[in-house]
Amino acid sequence: MSDTDEEEGPAVPLGEGDPVEGAPVARVASRLHYAIGKNDVVRREGDTVIRTPEGPRELASVLEETDEVYFDTRRAFENAVREVIGTGPIPTEEA
């Protein structure tokens, strides 16, 4: 890489404005090892605030709303969380 490549800036323009509160579900999922039980997830990451279409929420409160007790894969964990929080745009400003 030449010096001029580093001076050009990021390849994708970054948005301006306030940062979004909470961590993406995928980031939390990447910190876990599978297969894992729901109680272990809550113990390790339960106080982590995640981004949802309705605003930031603690992962433990999201997991309380799912009937799943065991996640054999990362995809199973992410699907269970998304069934509770839904999908859609994440709000960038507080109402």
C-alpha atoms as a PDB file:
ATOM      1  CA  MET A   1       0.000   0.000   0.000  1.00  0.00           C
ATOM      2  CA  SER A   2       1.345   3.412  -0.866  1.00  0.00           C
ATOM      3  CA  ASP A   3       1.119   6.533   1.245  1.00  0.00           C
ATOM      4  CA  THR A   4      -1.443   8.051  -1.129  1.00  0.00           C
ATOM      5  CA  ASP A   5      -3.880   5.160  -0.537  1.00  0.00           C
ATOM      6  CA  GLU A   6      -3.929   5.867   3.183  1.00  0.00           C
ATOM      7  CA  GLU A   7      -4.596   9.567   2.692  1.00  0.00           C
ATOM      8  CA  GLU A   8      -7.722   9.072   0.550  1.00  0.00           C
ATOM      9  CA  GLY A   9      -9.961   8.104   3.478  1.00  0.00           C
ATOM     10  CA  PRO A  10     -12.416   5.238   3.884  1.00  0.00           C
ATOM     11  CA  ALA A  11     -13.697   3.372   0.840  1.00  0.00           C
ATOM     12  CA  VAL A  12     -17.263   3.722   2.120  1.00  0.00           C
ATOM     13  CA  PRO A  13     -18.357   7.162   3.297  1.00  0.00           C
ATOM     14  CA  LEU A  14     -19.305   7.211   6.961  1.00  0.00           C
ATOM     15  CA  GLY A  15     -22.552   8.840   7.995  1.00  0.00           C
ATOM     16  CA  GLU A  16     -22.662  11.892  10.154  1.00  0.00           C
ATOM     17  CA  GLY A  17     -24.719  12.296  13.273  1.00  0.00           C
ATOM     18  CA  ASP A  18     -25.082  10.663  16.639  1.00  0.00           C
ATOM     19  CA  PRO A  19     -23.828   7.104  17.062  1.00  0.00           C
ATOM     20  CA  VAL A  20     -26.442   4.377  17.481  1.00  0.00           C
ATOM     21  CA  GLU A  21     -26.710   3.012  21.019  1.00  0.00           C
ATOM     22  CA  GLY A  22     -26.187  -0.713  21.501  1.00  0.00           C
ATOM     23  CA  ALA A  23     -24.287  -3.470  19.770  1.00  0.00           C
ATOM     24  CA  PRO A  24     -25.393  -5.284  16.620  1.00  0.00           C
ATOM     25  CA  VAL A  25     -26.773  -8.781  17.290  1.00  0.00           C
ATOM     26  CA  ALA A  26     -24.118 -10.240  14.979  1.00  0.00           C
ATOM     27  CA  ARG A  27     -21.326  -8.755  17.121  1.00  0.00           C
ATOM     28  CA  VAL A  28     -22.726 -10.329  20.279  1.00  0.00           C
ATOM     29  CA  ALA A  29     -23.244 -13.636  18.461  1.00  0.00           C
ATOM     30  CA  SER A  30     -19.618 -13.654  17.329  1.00  0.00           C
ATOM     31  CA  ARG A  31     -18.411 -13.504  20.956  1.00  0.00           C
ATOM     32  CA  LEU A  32     -20.203 -16.743  21.885  1.00  0.00           C
ATOM     33  CA  HIS A  33     -19.187 -20.367  21.307  1.00  0.00           C
ATOM     34  CA  TYR A  34     -21.806 -22.806  20.074  1.00  0.00           C
ATOM     35  CA  ALA A  35     -23.608 -24.937  21.131  1.00  0.00           C
ATOM     36  CA  ILE A  36     -24.692 -22.897  24.147  1.00  0.00           C
ATOM     37  CA  GLY A  37     -27.651 -22.736  26.502  1.00  0.00           C
ATOM     38  CA  LYS A  38     -29.767 -19.640  26.994  1.00  0.00           C
ATOM     39  CA  ASN A  39     -28.735 -19.395  30.667  1.00  0.00           C
ATOM     40  CA  ASP A  40     -25.062 -19.327  29.663  1.00  0.00           C
ATOM     41  CA  VAL A  41     -25.739 -16.569  27.135  1.00  0.00           C
ATOM     42  CA  VAL A  42     -27.544 -14.526  29.780  1.00  0.00           C
ATOM     43  CA  ARG A  43     -24.699 -15.081  32.259  1.00  0.00           C
ATOM     44  CA  ARG A  44     -22.033 -14.025  29.738  1.00  0.00           C
ATOM     45  CA  GLU A  45     -23.762 -11.334  27.655  1.00  0.00           C
ATOM     46  CA  GLY A  46     -27.127 -10.673  29.327  1.00  0.00           C
ATOM     47  CA  ASP A  47     -26.313  -7.106  30.313  1.00  0.00           C
ATOM     48  CA  THR A  48     -25.165  -6.241  26.786  1.00  0.00           C
ATOM     49  CA  VAL A  49     -27.403  -3.649  25.134  1.00  0.00           C
ATOM     50  CA  ILE A  50     -28.311  -4.603  21.565  1.00  0.00           C
ATOM     51  CA  ARG A  51     -29.765  -2.552  18.730  1.00  0.00           C
ATOM     52  CA  THR A  52     -33.383  -3.226  17.847  1.00  0.00           C
ATOM     53  CA  PRO A  53     -35.886  -1.501  15.548  1.00  0.00           C
ATOM     54  CA  GLU A  54     -37.680  -0.312  18.707  1.00  0.00           C
ATOM     55  CA  GLY A  55     -34.503   1.096  20.255  1.00  0.00           C
ATOM     56  CA  PRO A  56     -31.775  -0.358  22.472  1.00  0.00           C
ATOM     57  CA  ARG A  57     -32.616  -3.312  24.753  1.00  0.00           C
ATOM     58  CA  GLU A  58     -30.689  -5.572  27.097  1.00  0.00           C
ATOM     59  CA  LEU A  59     -30.091  -8.995  25.622  1.00  0.00           C
ATOM     60  CA  ALA A  60     -31.358 -10.720  28.791  1.00  0.00           C
ATOM     61  CA  SER A  61     -34.792  -9.107  28.421  1.00  0.00           C
ATOM     62  CA  VAL A  62     -34.941 -10.150  24.763  1.00  0.00           C
ATOM     63  CA  LEU A  63     -34.022 -13.746  25.590  1.00  0.00           C
ATOM     64  CA  GLU A  64     -36.756 -13.868  28.271  1.00  0.00           C
ATOM     65  CA  GLU A  65     -39.285 -13.569  25.443  1.00  0.00           C
ATOM     66  CA  THR A  66     -38.064 -16.610  23.510  1.00  0.00           C
ATOM     67  CA  ASP A  67     -38.982 -20.228  24.188  1.00  0.00           C
ATOM     68  CA  GLU A  68     -35.574 -21.432  22.983  1.00  0.00           C
ATOM     69  CA  VAL A  69     -33.350 -22.814  25.749  1.00  0.00           C
ATOM     70  CA  TYR A  70     -30.422 -23.992  23.619  1.00  0.00           C
ATOM     71  CA  PHE A  71     -28.676 -22.583  20.564  1.00  0.00           C
ATOM     72  CA  ASP A  72     -26.765 -25.195  18.586  1.00  0.00           C
ATOM     73  CA  THR A  73     -25.483 -22.685  16.022  1.00  0.00           C
ATOM     74  CA  ARG A  74     -24.868 -18.982  15.682  1.00  0.00           C
ATOM     75  CA  ARG A  75     -27.677 -18.820  13.152  1.00  0.00           C
ATOM     76  CA  ALA A  76     -30.101 -20.394  15.641  1.00  0.00           C
ATOM     77  CA  PHE A  77     -29.179 -17.733  18.224  1.00  0.00           C
ATOM     78  CA  GLU A  78     -29.514 -14.849  15.773  1.00  0.00           C
ATOM     79  CA  ASN A  79     -32.835 -16.179  14.450  1.00  0.00           C
ATOM     80  CA  ALA A  80     -34.264 -16.526  17.969  1.00  0.00           C
ATOM     81  CA  VAL A  81     -33.246 -12.961  18.856  1.00  0.00           C
ATOM     82  CA  ARG A  82     -34.609 -11.546  15.591  1.00  0.00           C
ATOM     83  CA  GLU A  83     -37.934 -13.354  16.111  1.00  0.00           C
ATOM     84  CA  VAL A  84     -38.331 -11.290  19.284  1.00  0.00           C
ATOM     85  CA  ILE A  85     -36.931  -7.937  18.165  1.00  0.00           C
ATOM     86  CA  GLY A  86     -38.006  -8.066  14.533  1.00  0.00           C
ATOM     87  CA  THR A  87     -36.119  -6.686  11.591  1.00  0.00           C
ATOM     88  CA  GLY A  88     -36.044  -3.241  10.139  1.00  0.00           C
ATOM     89  CA  PRO A  89     -34.198   0.027  10.328  1.00  0.00           C
ATOM     90  CA  ILE A  90     -32.477   0.896  13.583  1.00  0.00           C
ATOM     91  CA  PRO A  91     -33.418   4.359  14.888  1.00  0.00           C
ATOM     92  CA  THR A  92     -30.518   6.806  14.929  1.00  0.00           C
ATOM     93  CA  GLU A  93     -32.182   9.546  16.977  1.00  0.00           C
ATOM     94  CA  GLU A  94     -34.126   9.467  20.207  1.00  0.00           C
ATOM     95  CA  ALA A  95     -37.749  10.427  19.880  1.00  0.00           C
END
